[in-house]
Protein backbone atom coordinates (compact mmCIF):
# COMPACT_ATOMS: atom_id res chain seq x y z
CA MET A 1 107.89 114.70 101.25
CA LYS A 2 106.79 116.16 104.55
CA ALA A 3 103.66 115.39 106.57
CA ASP A 4 101.87 118.37 105.00
CA ASP A 5 102.60 116.94 101.55
CA VAL A 6 101.03 113.61 102.57
CA ASP A 7 97.98 115.51 103.87
CA GLN A 8 97.73 117.26 100.49
CA PHE A 9 98.10 113.94 98.63
CA ILE A 10 95.28 112.43 100.68
CA ARG A 11 92.97 115.41 100.05
CA SER A 12 93.76 115.79 96.35
CA GLY A 13 92.44 114.27 93.17
CA ARG A 14 91.70 110.73 92.16
CA ARG A 15 94.18 108.08 93.21
CA GLY A 16 94.61 104.90 91.22
CA LEU A 17 96.88 101.94 90.52
CA PRO A 18 97.83 101.99 86.84
CA ALA A 19 99.55 98.59 86.71
CA ALA A 20 98.95 95.12 88.14
CA PRO A 21 101.49 93.75 90.63
CA GLN A 22 104.63 92.02 89.43
CA TRP A 23 105.60 89.64 92.23
CA ARG A 24 109.17 88.98 93.35
CA ASP A 25 110.74 86.90 96.11
CA GLY A 26 110.53 88.44 99.56
CA ASN A 27 113.01 88.39 102.44
CA ARG A 28 111.78 85.04 103.83
CA ALA A 29 111.18 81.64 102.24
CA GLY A 30 107.71 81.49 100.72
CA GLU A 31 107.24 85.25 100.85
CA ARG A 32 106.36 87.32 97.76
CA ARG A 33 106.35 91.11 97.39
CA ALA A 34 105.07 93.60 94.87
CA SER A 35 105.40 97.38 94.57
CA LEU A 36 102.79 99.42 92.73
CA ASP A 37 102.91 103.04 91.68
CA VAL A 38 100.03 105.17 92.95
CA ALA A 39 98.84 107.71 90.38
CA LEU A 40 97.22 111.01 91.30
CA ASP A 41 94.91 112.29 88.57
CA GLY A 42 96.58 109.86 86.16
CA ILE A 43 100.16 110.97 86.92
CA VAL A 44 102.52 108.72 88.87
CA SER A 45 103.01 110.21 92.34
CA PRO A 46 105.85 109.80 94.85
CA VAL A 47 103.57 107.43 96.80
CA SER A 48 103.68 103.67 96.21
CA LEU A 49 101.84 100.64 97.53
CA GLU A 50 103.95 97.73 98.79
CA MET A 51 102.32 94.33 99.36
CA THR A 52 103.73 91.25 101.02
CA ILE A 53 102.07 87.83 101.06
CA ARG A 54 103.09 84.39 102.32
CA LEU A 55 102.48 81.46 100.02
CA ASN A 56 101.70 79.11 102.92
CA ASP A 57 99.10 81.45 104.48
CA PRO A 58 96.24 82.46 102.15
CA GLN A 59 94.99 85.04 104.69
CA TYR A 60 98.31 86.85 105.12
CA LEU A 61 98.60 90.28 103.54
CA MET A 62 100.63 93.28 104.58
CA ALA A 63 99.93 96.40 102.55
CA LEU A 64 101.72 99.71 103.02
CA LEU A 65 101.48 103.11 101.43
CA LEU A 66 105.00 104.47 101.19
CA CYS A 67 106.43 107.86 100.42
CA SER A 68 110.09 107.27 99.61
CA ARG A 69 110.90 104.86 102.44
CA SER A 70 108.51 106.37 104.96
CA VAL A 71 105.34 104.42 105.80
CA ILE A 72 102.18 106.49 105.52
CA CYS A 73 99.82 103.69 106.62
CA ARG A 74 99.87 99.91 107.00
CA LEU A 75 97.36 97.08 106.88
CA CYS A 76 98.37 93.92 108.76
CA MET A 77 96.11 90.94 108.07
CA THR A 78 98.02 88.98 110.67
CA THR A 79 97.86 88.47 114.41
CA GLY A 80 100.21 88.79 117.34
CA HIS A 81 101.17 92.43 116.75
CA ARG A 82 102.21 94.67 119.64
CA ASP A 83 100.46 98.03 119.83
CA ARG A 84 103.38 100.32 120.66
CA ARG A 85 101.09 102.90 122.22
CA THR A 86 99.40 100.58 124.74
CA GLY A 87 101.88 97.69 124.85
CA ALA A 88 99.01 95.23 124.32
CA ILE A 89 99.15 92.38 121.83
CA THR A 90 96.54 92.66 119.08
CA ASN A 91 95.37 89.23 117.97
CA SER A 92 93.32 90.34 115.00
CA PRO A 93 93.93 92.02 111.66
CA HIS A 94 94.57 95.73 112.12
CA PHE A 95 95.26 98.98 110.32
CA HIS A 96 97.64 101.82 111.14
CA SER A 97 96.01 104.84 109.50
CA TRP A 98 97.68 108.09 108.52
CA GLU A 99 95.07 110.07 110.41
CA ALA A 100 95.70 108.23 113.70
CA ASN A 101 99.49 108.37 113.41
CA ARG A 102 100.27 111.69 111.71
CA GLY A 103 100.92 113.65 114.88
CA GLY A 104 101.84 117.32 114.87
CA SER A 105 105.32 117.07 113.38
CA LYS A 106 106.30 118.46 110.00
CA SER A 107 108.05 115.14 109.28
CA ILE A 108 106.41 111.84 108.43
CA PRO A 109 106.39 109.76 111.64
CA LYS A 110 109.07 107.07 111.88
CA THR A 111 106.66 104.62 113.56
CA LEU A 112 102.95 103.98 113.36
CA ASN A 113 102.07 103.50 117.01
CA ASN A 114 98.27 103.71 116.82
CA LEU A 115 96.13 100.99 115.30
CA GLU A 116 92.50 100.11 114.75
CA VAL A 117 91.07 96.62 114.39
CA VAL A 118 89.94 95.77 110.87
CA PRO A 119 86.19 94.97 110.62
CA ALA A 120 85.42 91.25 110.94
CA TRP A 121 83.82 91.08 107.47
CA VAL A 122 87.20 91.94 105.90
CA ALA A 123 88.41 88.36 105.54
CA GLY A 124 90.80 87.05 102.92
CA ARG A 125 93.22 88.90 100.69
CA ASP A 126 90.71 90.09 98.09
CA LYS A 127 88.40 91.75 100.61
CA ALA A 128 91.37 93.11 102.58
CA PHE A 129 92.90 94.62 99.45
CA ALA A 130 89.58 96.22 98.42
CA TRP A 131 89.06 97.57 101.98
CA PHE A 132 92.59 99.01 102.05
CA LEU A 133 92.04 100.79 98.73
CA GLU A 134 88.69 102.21 99.83
CA ARG A 135 90.07 103.25 103.23
CA ASN A 136 92.81 105.22 101.43
CA GLY A 137 90.65 106.71 98.67
CA ILE A 138 92.28 104.70 95.89
CA ASP A 139 90.02 103.73 93.00
CA SER A 140 89.49 100.05 92.35
CA PRO A 141 91.84 99.12 89.49
CA ARG A 142 90.63 97.73 86.16
CA TRP A 143 92.98 94.75 86.47
CA LEU A 144 91.12 93.15 89.42
CA PRO A 145 91.04 90.48 90.71
CA VAL A 146 94.56 90.69 92.11
CA PRO A 147 96.80 88.09 90.46
CA TRP A 148 98.02 86.58 93.75
CA PRO A 149 101.05 84.31 93.33
CA HIS A 150 100.67 80.65 94.19
CA ASP A 151 103.09 78.13 95.61
CA GLU A 152 105.15 76.91 92.67
CA GLY A 153 105.76 73.55 94.37
CA PHE A 154 109.14 74.47 95.84
CA ILE A 155 109.87 73.61 99.44
């Protein structure tokens, strides 16, 4: 997909998540990940939603919309992130939107340099997930609440 295709995806039809997340181990100890298909008008699209959580941090959520391996947008409910555009450290949850990072290229940008701070009322994974869906025009799924994984007692 090219940037114009992402623009078309964002402007077109109803977007939804047909299936609940199936969690798997992440790259770090205590990390879990899930990938969800994003449907457009009921048909699975080339866009997916990737979520990462940390079992030891109930506030931590990273959610990305991906097209192949290219990131369209990213929600970071974490702190200590460097804004590549300004060089400043952002010590609050933030969002890298498609609109702010698209640029004028025909290709999907390789980095998401621009960010916006997430509103203060968006606290906790459930609210963050709902805000991310609304911000990206994705209908709230029937399978809510999100079945977040819990620490299985392993160290």
